[in-house]
Amino acid sequence: MWLDEASCKLCIITSRTGDLIRLNRPDKLPEILSELSKLLRLQSRSEAFSTSFRIVAKLVGDDDPYRDYKTKLIAIGKRVAEAVRMRLEQASWDIVMALRIAAAANIVDTSVLGYRPKKLEEAVWDPPSIEERVELPNSVYYVLDNAGEAQVDLVVAEALERNGVKSTFVVRAQPYEIDIIEKDISTYRVVTTPGNISPVRWIRDGFILAKGIANLEAYLEWGEAPALLLFRAKCDVLSRVFSVPRNAPIIISGQTAKAISQLR
């Protein structure tokens, strides 16, 4: 499912060619363009993006090519997480505030066409443009996104637990862009799902709390379990679909997100 066939396909081309430029392998551009010409025929946006990143990793000879960048993001995220902890402590671990911060923290990205992020330490306080209130069950699958914001999510999960909601962290088994994987949060118990595609594809029961636009788009394709999706409308397509300013934080149920996306 491509939310906007023209824009999303242009996005994957600029994302993967941009990866090779950032990773100092412009000599591999002809090869990635050849592979992308095949992947653009797929019906699934999620499969096209995840497969194309595996190809980039193979071309550069590194299964986790953004490893060093993720390390920097984690260091920044830990500093911001301390400020978030202080704010939530002052607010008696308010769950509404915690979810707003989680959505706002979805700020860093390497593969959104034309995207320019704010600094995480400033972005986490941005209010959501859409805030759907959903009663959370006593346990959720917390699907993490990029390595920096995941440090904030660890504090958000603490706020959830203090409000009676236990989180089970879920991550991809294999690297995908700057997303966190199991070894990046080795001190926490996590569930891993196959390959480097969004974990949302594999969750069929329980309740999903999912971060980021890749997990949103995977939910629109495959989501079955009830969900609360927290992300930013980082591109013009999402801005248009959800009728919000570009880069606005959004907190929305999976059911509502599917209904809105089908109106496009």
C-alpha atoms as a PDB file:
ATOM      1  CA  MET A   1       0.000   0.000   0.000  1.00  0.00           C
ATOM      2  CA  TRP A   2       1.435   3.339  -1.122  1.00  0.00           C
ATOM      3  CA  LEU A   3      -0.411   6.268   0.461  1.00  0.00           C
ATOM      4  CA  ASP A   4       0.520   8.378  -2.547  1.00  0.00           C
ATOM      5  CA  GLU A   5       2.079   6.346  -5.340  1.00  0.00           C
ATOM      6  CA  ALA A   6       4.013   9.177  -6.981  1.00  0.00           C
ATOM      7  CA  SER A   7       5.301  10.888  -3.831  1.00  0.00           C
ATOM      8  CA  CYS A   8       6.069   7.722  -1.874  1.00  0.00           C
ATOM      9  CA  LYS A   9       7.947   6.141  -4.768  1.00  0.00           C
ATOM     10  CA  LEU A  10       9.959   9.309  -5.254  1.00  0.00           C
ATOM     11  CA  CYS A  11      10.668   9.177  -1.512  1.00  0.00           C
ATOM     12  CA  ILE A  12      12.143   5.671  -1.624  1.00  0.00           C
ATOM     13  CA  ILE A  13      14.386   6.654  -4.554  1.00  0.00           C
ATOM     14  CA  THR A  14      15.726   9.747  -2.786  1.00  0.00           C
ATOM     15  CA  SER A  15      16.014   7.868   0.521  1.00  0.00           C
ATOM     16  CA  ARG A  16      18.099   4.992  -0.748  1.00  0.00           C
ATOM     17  CA  THR A  17      20.287   7.040  -3.065  1.00  0.00           C
ATOM     18  CA  GLY A  18      20.728   9.444  -0.148  1.00  0.00           C
ATOM     19  CA  ASP A  19      21.810   6.545   2.067  1.00  0.00           C
ATOM     20  CA  LEU A  20      24.619   5.705  -0.340  1.00  0.00           C
ATOM     21  CA  ILE A  21      25.742   9.336  -0.532  1.00  0.00           C
ATOM     22  CA  ARG A  22      25.764   9.650   3.285  1.00  0.00           C
ATOM     23  CA  LEU A  23      27.624   6.339   3.568  1.00  0.00           C
ATOM     24  CA  ASN A  24      30.263   7.474   1.052  1.00  0.00           C
ATOM     25  CA  ARG A  25      29.407   4.931  -1.629  1.00  0.00           C
ATOM     26  CA  PRO A  26      28.153   6.968  -4.605  1.00  0.00           C
ATOM     27  CA  ASP A  27      29.792   4.361  -6.834  1.00  0.00           C
ATOM     28  CA  LYS A  28      26.910   2.029  -5.905  1.00  0.00           C
ATOM     29  CA  LEU A  29      24.182   4.363  -7.185  1.00  0.00           C
ATOM     30  CA  PRO A  30      23.651   2.500 -10.494  1.00  0.00           C
ATOM     31  CA  GLU A  31      23.145  -0.758  -8.595  1.00  0.00           C
ATOM     32  CA  ILE A  32      20.603   0.621  -6.112  1.00  0.00           C
ATOM     33  CA  LEU A  33      18.684   2.303  -8.925  1.00  0.00           C
ATOM     34  CA  SER A  34      18.530  -0.998 -10.766  1.00  0.00           C
ATOM     35  CA  GLU A  35      17.178  -2.737  -7.656  1.00  0.00           C
ATOM     36  CA  LEU A  36      14.686   0.049  -6.952  1.00  0.00           C
ATOM     37  CA  SER A  37      13.251  -0.274 -10.447  1.00  0.00           C
ATOM     38  CA  LYS A  38      12.073  -3.748  -9.405  1.00  0.00           C
ATOM     39  CA  LEU A  39      10.936  -2.840  -5.885  1.00  0.00           C
ATOM     40  CA  LEU A  40       8.759  -0.002  -7.157  1.00  0.00           C
ATOM     41  CA  ARG A  41       6.484  -2.648  -8.639  1.00  0.00           C
ATOM     42  CA  LEU A  42       5.661  -4.081  -5.204  1.00  0.00           C
ATOM     43  CA  GLN A  43       2.210  -3.389  -3.793  1.00  0.00           C
ATOM     44  CA  SER A  44       3.614  -3.006  -0.278  1.00  0.00           C
ATOM     45  CA  ARG A  45       5.388   0.194   0.641  1.00  0.00           C
ATOM     46  CA  SER A  46       6.691  -1.435   3.828  1.00  0.00           C
ATOM     47  CA  GLU A  47       8.237  -4.359   1.968  1.00  0.00           C
ATOM     48  CA  ALA A  48       9.816  -2.059  -0.606  1.00  0.00           C
ATOM     49  CA  PHE A  49      11.455   0.140   2.037  1.00  0.00           C
ATOM     50  CA  SER A  50      12.694  -2.706   4.235  1.00  0.00           C
ATOM     51  CA  THR A  51      14.048  -4.743   1.318  1.00  0.00           C
ATOM     52  CA  SER A  52      15.746  -1.722  -0.234  1.00  0.00           C
ATOM     53  CA  PHE A  53      17.541  -0.973   3.034  1.00  0.00           C
ATOM     54  CA  ARG A  54      18.871  -4.533   3.178  1.00  0.00           C
ATOM     55  CA  ILE A  55      20.209  -3.986  -0.333  1.00  0.00           C
ATOM     56  CA  VAL A  56      21.906  -0.735   0.724  1.00  0.00           C
ATOM     57  CA  ALA A  57      23.519  -2.536   3.663  1.00  0.00           C
ATOM     58  CA  LYS A  58      24.794  -5.273   1.348  1.00  0.00           C
ATOM     59  CA  LEU A  59      26.147  -2.739  -1.152  1.00  0.00           C
ATOM     60  CA  VAL A  60      28.148  -0.919   1.535  1.00  0.00           C
ATOM     61  CA  GLY A  61      29.265  -4.161   3.203  1.00  0.00           C
ATOM     62  CA  ASP A  62      27.804  -3.377   6.631  1.00  0.00           C
ATOM     63  CA  ASP A  63      24.621  -4.926   8.008  1.00  0.00           C
ATOM     64  CA  ASP A  64      24.141  -1.935  10.361  1.00  0.00           C
ATOM     65  CA  PRO A  65      25.564   1.019   8.388  1.00  0.00           C
ATOM     66  CA  TYR A  66      24.110   3.705  10.677  1.00  0.00           C
ATOM     67  CA  ARG A  67      25.612   2.132  13.813  1.00  0.00           C
ATOM     68  CA  ASP A  68      27.786   5.147  14.665  1.00  0.00           C
ATOM     69  CA  TYR A  69      24.978   7.611  14.028  1.00  0.00           C
ATOM     70  CA  LYS A  70      22.657   5.589  16.266  1.00  0.00           C
ATOM     71  CA  THR A  71      25.249   5.735  19.045  1.00  0.00           C
ATOM     72  CA  LYS A  72      25.197   9.549  18.828  1.00  0.00           C
ATOM     73  CA  LEU A  73      21.388   9.590  18.802  1.00  0.00           C
ATOM     74  CA  ILE A  74      21.275   7.346  21.865  1.00  0.00           C
ATOM     75  CA  ALA A  75      23.572   9.727  23.765  1.00  0.00           C
ATOM     76  CA  ILE A  76      21.357  12.694  22.860  1.00  0.00           C
ATOM     77  CA  GLY A  77      18.226  10.701  23.678  1.00  0.00           C
ATOM     78  CA  LYS A  78      19.499   9.798  27.139  1.00  0.00           C
ATOM     79  CA  ARG A  79      20.105  13.468  27.976  1.00  0.00           C
ATOM     80  CA  VAL A  80      16.625  14.421  26.778  1.00  0.00           C
ATOM     81  CA  ALA A  81      15.110  11.477  28.646  1.00  0.00           C
ATOM     82  CA  GLU A  82      16.423  12.899  31.926  1.00  0.00           C
ATOM     83  CA  ALA A  83      14.615  16.186  31.265  1.00  0.00           C
ATOM     84  CA  VAL A  84      11.474  14.228  30.373  1.00  0.00           C
ATOM     85  CA  ARG A  85      11.755  12.247  33.599  1.00  0.00           C
ATOM     86  CA  MET A  86      11.940  15.444  35.646  1.00  0.00           C
ATOM     87  CA  ARG A  87       8.899  16.900  33.875  1.00  0.00           C
ATOM     88  CA  LEU A  88       6.850  13.749  34.356  1.00  0.00           C
ATOM     89  CA  GLU A  89       7.843  13.496  38.004  1.00  0.00           C
ATOM     90  CA  GLN A  90       6.634  17.069  38.507  1.00  0.00           C
ATOM     91  CA  ALA A  91       3.371  16.123  36.781  1.00  0.00           C
ATOM     92  CA  SER A  92       2.913  12.989  38.956  1.00  0.00           C
ATOM     93  CA  TRP A  93       3.657  10.780  35.938  1.00  0.00           C
ATOM     94  CA  ASP A  94       0.607  11.991  34.056  1.00  0.00           C
ATOM     95  CA  ILE A  95      -0.169   9.454  31.327  1.00  0.00           C
ATOM     96  CA  VAL A  96      -1.638  12.027  28.905  1.00  0.00           C
ATOM     97  CA  MET A  97       1.525  14.117  29.115  1.00  0.00           C
ATOM     98  CA  ALA A  98       3.664  11.012  28.658  1.00  0.00           C
ATOM     99  CA  LEU A  99       1.883  10.021  25.445  1.00  0.00           C
ATOM    100  CA  ARG A 100       2.156  13.568  24.088  1.00  0.00           C
ATOM    101  CA  ILE A 101       5.898  13.503  24.706  1.00  0.00           C
ATOM    102  CA  ALA A 102       6.177  10.086  23.036  1.00  0.00           C
ATOM    103  CA  ALA A 103       4.469  11.350  19.884  1.00  0.00           C
ATOM    104  CA  ALA A 104       6.474  14.574  19.817  1.00  0.00           C
ATOM    105  CA  ALA A 105       9.755  12.677  20.224  1.00  0.00           C
ATOM    106  CA  ASN A 106       9.279  11.090  16.796  1.00  0.00           C
ATOM    107  CA  ILE A 107      11.456  13.798  15.264  1.00  0.00           C
ATOM    108  CA  VAL A 108      14.599  12.274  13.696  1.00  0.00           C
ATOM    109  CA  ASP A 109      14.539  10.542  10.304  1.00  0.00           C
ATOM    110  CA  THR A 110      16.978   9.783   7.505  1.00  0.00           C
ATOM    111  CA  SER A 111      14.556   8.802   4.764  1.00  0.00           C
ATOM    112  CA  VAL A 112      11.631  11.202   4.414  1.00  0.00           C
ATOM    113  CA  LEU A 113      11.626  13.278   1.255  1.00  0.00           C
ATOM    114  CA  GLY A 114      12.628  16.877   2.028  1.00  0.00           C
ATOM    115  CA  TYR A 115      12.378  16.419   5.798  1.00  0.00           C
ATOM    116  CA  ARG A 116      14.287  18.735   8.136  1.00  0.00           C
ATOM    117  CA  PRO A 117      13.959  17.802  11.820  1.00  0.00           C
ATOM    118  CA  LYS A 118      14.101  19.989  14.902  1.00  0.00           C
ATOM    119  CA  LYS A 119      16.408  19.164  17.792  1.00  0.00           C
ATOM    120  CA  LEU A 120      15.002  16.400  19.996  1.00  0.00           C
ATOM    121  CA  GLU A 121      15.408  18.472  23.153  1.00  0.00           C
ATOM    122  CA  GLU A 122      13.116  21.140  21.700  1.00  0.00           C
ATOM    123  CA  ALA A 123      10.723  18.846  19.851  1.00  0.00           C
ATOM    124  CA  VAL A 124       9.578  16.695  22.783  1.00  0.00           C
ATOM    125  CA  TRP A 125       7.408  19.500  24.166  1.00  0.00           C
ATOM    126  CA  ASP A 126       5.428  20.144  20.956  1.00  0.00           C
ATOM    127  CA  PRO A 127       1.673  19.618  21.446  1.00  0.00           C
ATOM    128  CA  PRO A 128      -0.170  17.163  19.176  1.00  0.00           C
ATOM    129  CA  SER A 129      -2.365  18.418  16.342  1.00  0.00           C
ATOM    130  CA  ILE A 130      -4.519  15.293  16.672  1.00  0.00           C
ATOM    131  CA  GLU A 131      -5.004  13.718  20.085  1.00  0.00           C
ATOM    132  CA  GLU A 132      -7.389  10.805  20.213  1.00  0.00           C
ATOM    133  CA  ARG A 133      -7.975   9.539  23.725  1.00  0.00           C
ATOM    134  CA  VAL A 134      -7.957   5.752  23.965  1.00  0.00           C
ATOM    135  CA  GLU A 135      -8.261   3.747  27.156  1.00  0.00           C
ATOM    136  CA  LEU A 136      -5.189   1.566  27.349  1.00  0.00           C
ATOM    137  CA  PRO A 137      -5.408  -2.017  28.634  1.00  0.00           C
ATOM    138  CA  ASN A 138      -3.190  -3.221  31.474  1.00  0.00           C
ATOM    139  CA  SER A 139      -0.527  -4.464  29.017  1.00  0.00           C
ATOM    140  CA  VAL A 140       0.689  -3.220  25.618  1.00  0.00           C
ATOM    141  CA  TYR A 141       3.221  -4.114  22.964  1.00  0.00           C
ATOM    142  CA  TYR A 142       5.355  -0.956  22.773  1.00  0.00           C
ATOM    143  CA  VAL A 143       6.839  -0.938  19.241  1.00  0.00           C
ATOM    144  CA  LEU A 144       9.938   1.251  19.282  1.00  0.00           C
ATOM    145  CA  ASP A 145      11.285   3.418  16.460  1.00  0.00           C
ATOM    146  CA  ASN A 146      14.553   5.325  16.132  1.00  0.00           C
ATOM    147  CA  ALA A 147      17.407   4.848  18.566  1.00  0.00           C
ATOM    148  CA  GLY A 148      17.360   8.377  19.978  1.00  0.00           C
ATOM    149  CA  GLU A 149      13.665   8.726  20.704  1.00  0.00           C
ATOM    150  CA  ALA A 150      13.615   5.202  22.140  1.00  0.00           C
ATOM    151  CA  GLN A 151      15.492   6.562  25.161  1.00  0.00           C
ATOM    152  CA  VAL A 152      12.518   8.847  25.783  1.00  0.00           C
ATOM    153  CA  ASP A 153      10.148   5.933  25.227  1.00  0.00           C
ATOM    154  CA  LEU A 154      11.809   4.055  28.079  1.00  0.00           C
ATOM    155  CA  VAL A 155      10.757   6.858  30.423  1.00  0.00           C
ATOM    156  CA  VAL A 156       7.286   7.002  28.861  1.00  0.00           C
ATOM    157  CA  ALA A 157       6.961   3.272  29.523  1.00  0.00           C
ATOM    158  CA  GLU A 158       7.796   3.939  33.165  1.00  0.00           C
ATOM    159  CA  ALA A 159       4.965   6.474  33.273  1.00  0.00           C
ATOM    160  CA  LEU A 160       2.628   3.893  31.770  1.00  0.00           C
ATOM    161  CA  GLU A 161       3.643   1.312  34.365  1.00  0.00           C
ATOM    162  CA  ARG A 162       3.076   3.784  37.180  1.00  0.00           C
ATOM    163  CA  ASN A 163      -0.454   4.115  35.770  1.00  0.00           C
ATOM    164  CA  GLY A 164      -1.043   0.371  35.672  1.00  0.00           C
ATOM    165  CA  VAL A 165      -0.006  -0.308  32.059  1.00  0.00           C
ATOM    166  CA  LYS A 166       2.834  -2.782  31.550  1.00  0.00           C
ATOM    167  CA  SER A 167       4.875  -2.439  28.348  1.00  0.00           C
ATOM    168  CA  THR A 168       6.588  -5.184  26.387  1.00  0.00           C
ATOM    169  CA  PHE A 169       9.104  -3.549  24.051  1.00  0.00           C
ATOM    170  CA  VAL A 170       9.111  -4.855  20.477  1.00  0.00           C
ATOM    171  CA  VAL A 171      11.888  -4.246  17.928  1.00  0.00           C
ATOM    172  CA  ARG A 172      13.018  -5.581  14.545  1.00  0.00           C
ATOM    173  CA  ALA A 173      15.498  -8.457  14.638  1.00  0.00           C
ATOM    174  CA  GLN A 174      17.649  -6.901  11.918  1.00  0.00           C
ATOM    175  CA  PRO A 175      18.834  -3.305  11.435  1.00  0.00           C
ATOM    176  CA  TYR A 176      16.657  -0.830   9.569  1.00  0.00           C
ATOM    177  CA  GLU A 177      17.898   2.736   9.051  1.00  0.00           C
ATOM    178  CA  ILE A 178      18.374   4.344  12.490  1.00  0.00           C
ATOM    179  CA  ASP A 179      15.792   2.211  14.299  1.00  0.00           C
ATOM    180  CA  ILE A 180      16.756   0.624  17.584  1.00  0.00           C
ATOM    181  CA  ILE A 181      17.405  -3.121  17.740  1.00  0.00           C
ATOM    182  CA  GLU A 182      17.768  -5.511  20.658  1.00  0.00           C
ATOM    183  CA  LYS A 183      21.481  -5.010  21.336  1.00  0.00           C
ATOM    184  CA  ASP A 184      20.947  -1.230  21.559  1.00  0.00           C
ATOM    185  CA  ILE A 185      18.772  -1.692  24.679  1.00  0.00           C
ATOM    186  CA  SER A 186      20.379  -4.819  26.064  1.00  0.00           C
ATOM    187  CA  THR A 187      19.497  -3.966  29.668  1.00  0.00           C
ATOM    188  CA  TYR A 188      15.767  -4.264  28.882  1.00  0.00           C
ATOM    189  CA  ARG A 189      13.776  -7.338  27.967  1.00  0.00           C
ATOM    190  CA  VAL A 190      12.477  -7.023  24.423  1.00  0.00           C
ATOM    191  CA  VAL A 191      10.645  -9.128  21.879  1.00  0.00           C
ATOM    192  CA  THR A 192      12.151  -9.271  18.392  1.00  0.00           C
ATOM    193  CA  THR A 193      10.228  -9.890  15.195  1.00  0.00           C
ATOM    194  CA  PRO A 194      11.568 -11.446  11.961  1.00  0.00           C
ATOM    195  CA  GLY A 195      13.757  -9.527   9.551  1.00  0.00           C
ATOM    196  CA  ASN A 196      13.944  -5.757   9.309  1.00  0.00           C
ATOM    197  CA  ILE A 197      10.321  -5.026   8.443  1.00  0.00           C
ATOM    198  CA  SER A 198       8.056  -3.246  10.937  1.00  0.00           C
ATOM    199  CA  PRO A 199       7.184  -5.439  13.946  1.00  0.00           C
ATOM    200  CA  VAL A 200       3.569  -4.342  13.489  1.00  0.00           C
ATOM    201  CA  ARG A 201       3.318  -6.853  10.650  1.00  0.00           C
ATOM    202  CA  TRP A 202       3.716  -9.759  13.079  1.00  0.00           C
ATOM    203  CA  ILE A 203       1.534  -8.678  16.025  1.00  0.00           C
ATOM    204  CA  ARG A 204      -1.861 -10.325  15.779  1.00  0.00           C
ATOM    205  CA  ASP A 205      -3.218 -10.073  19.316  1.00  0.00           C
ATOM    206  CA  GLY A 206      -3.014  -7.833  22.366  1.00  0.00           C
ATOM    207  CA  PHE A 207      -2.776  -4.030  22.082  1.00  0.00           C
ATOM    208  CA  ILE A 208      -0.155  -2.156  20.055  1.00  0.00           C
ATOM    209  CA  LEU A 209       1.423   1.157  21.046  1.00  0.00           C
ATOM    210  CA  ALA A 210       3.517   1.981  17.973  1.00  0.00           C
ATOM    211  CA  LYS A 211       5.944   4.798  17.289  1.00  0.00           C
ATOM    212  CA  GLY A 212       6.847   6.401  13.964  1.00  0.00           C
ATOM    213  CA  ILE A 213       5.595   6.560  10.390  1.00  0.00           C
ATOM    214  CA  ALA A 214       7.034   3.219   9.227  1.00  0.00           C
ATOM    215  CA  ASN A 215       5.024   1.490  11.939  1.00  0.00           C
ATOM    216  CA  LEU A 216       1.979   3.606  11.051  1.00  0.00           C
ATOM    217  CA  GLU A 217       2.194   2.579   7.402  1.00  0.00           C
ATOM    218  CA  ALA A 218       2.729  -1.064   8.330  1.00  0.00           C
ATOM    219  CA  TYR A 219      -0.392  -0.866  10.477  1.00  0.00           C
ATOM    220  CA  LEU A 220      -2.387   0.541   7.573  1.00  0.00           C
ATOM    221  CA  GLU A 221      -1.255  -2.471   5.527  1.00  0.00           C
ATOM    222  CA  TRP A 222      -1.469  -5.308   8.032  1.00  0.00           C
ATOM    223  CA  GLY A 223      -2.721  -4.087  11.398  1.00  0.00           C
ATOM    224  CA  GLU A 224      -5.249  -6.352  13.069  1.00  0.00           C
ATOM    225  CA  ALA A 225      -4.867  -5.817  16.814  1.00  0.00           C
ATOM    226  CA  PRO A 226      -6.205  -2.590  18.348  1.00  0.00           C
ATOM    227  CA  ALA A 227      -3.551   0.114  18.426  1.00  0.00           C
ATOM    228  CA  LEU A 228      -2.583   3.626  19.416  1.00  0.00           C
ATOM    229  CA  LEU A 229      -0.209   5.197  16.891  1.00  0.00           C
ATOM    230  CA  LEU A 230       2.171   8.011  17.867  1.00  0.00           C
ATOM    231  CA  PHE A 231       4.084   9.793  15.119  1.00  0.00           C
ATOM    232  CA  ARG A 232       4.773  13.051  13.299  1.00  0.00           C
ATOM    233  CA  ALA A 233       3.335  13.931   9.898  1.00  0.00           C
ATOM    234  CA  LYS A 234       6.851  14.350   8.509  1.00  0.00           C
ATOM    235  CA  CYS A 235       5.944  14.551   4.828  1.00  0.00           C
ATOM    236  CA  ASP A 236       3.442  16.358   2.627  1.00  0.00           C
ATOM    237  CA  VAL A 237       1.532  13.111   2.050  1.00  0.00           C
ATOM    238  CA  LEU A 238       0.849  12.510   5.756  1.00  0.00           C
ATOM    239  CA  SER A 239       0.155  16.194   6.296  1.00  0.00           C
ATOM    240  CA  ARG A 240      -2.483  16.038   3.582  1.00  0.00           C
ATOM    241  CA  VAL A 241      -3.997  12.699   4.638  1.00  0.00           C
ATOM    242  CA  PHE A 242      -4.451  13.768   8.259  1.00  0.00           C
ATOM    243  CA  SER A 243      -5.130  17.467   7.531  1.00  0.00           C
ATOM    244  CA  VAL A 244      -2.429  18.739   9.889  1.00  0.00           C
ATOM    245  CA  PRO A 245       0.622  20.992   9.459  1.00  0.00           C
ATOM    246  CA  ARG A 246       3.719  19.235   8.242  1.00  0.00           C
ATOM    247  CA  ASN A 247       5.741  17.713  11.120  1.00  0.00           C
ATOM    248  CA  ALA A 248       2.807  17.919  13.550  1.00  0.00           C
ATOM    249  CA  PRO A 249       2.692  15.231  16.259  1.00  0.00           C
ATOM    250  CA  ILE A 250      -0.310  12.895  16.072  1.00  0.00           C
ATOM    251  CA  ILE A 251      -1.850  10.506  18.599  1.00  0.00           C
ATOM    252  CA  ILE A 252      -4.492   8.381  16.897  1.00  0.00           C
ATOM    253  CA  SER A 253      -6.057   4.933  17.156  1.00  0.00           C
ATOM    254  CA  GLY A 254      -5.305   2.368  14.492  1.00  0.00           C
ATOM    255  CA  GLN A 255      -8.987   2.164  13.621  1.00  0.00           C
ATOM    256  CA  THR A 256      -9.288   5.907  13.055  1.00  0.00           C
ATOM    257  CA  ALA A 257      -6.022   6.063  11.089  1.00  0.00           C
ATOM    258  CA  LYS A 258      -7.279   3.340   8.752  1.00  0.00           C
ATOM    259  CA  ALA A 259     -10.615   5.076   8.263  1.00  0.00           C
ATOM    260  CA  ILE A 260      -8.940   8.412   7.440  1.00  0.00           C
ATOM    261  CA  SER A 261      -6.409   6.852   5.059  1.00  0.00           C
ATOM    262  CA  GLN A 262      -9.208   5.186   3.102  1.00  0.00           C
ATOM    263  CA  LEU A 263     -10.798   8.594   2.436  1.00  0.00           C
ATOM    264  CA  ARG A 264      -7.766   9.917   0.539  1.00  0.00           C
END
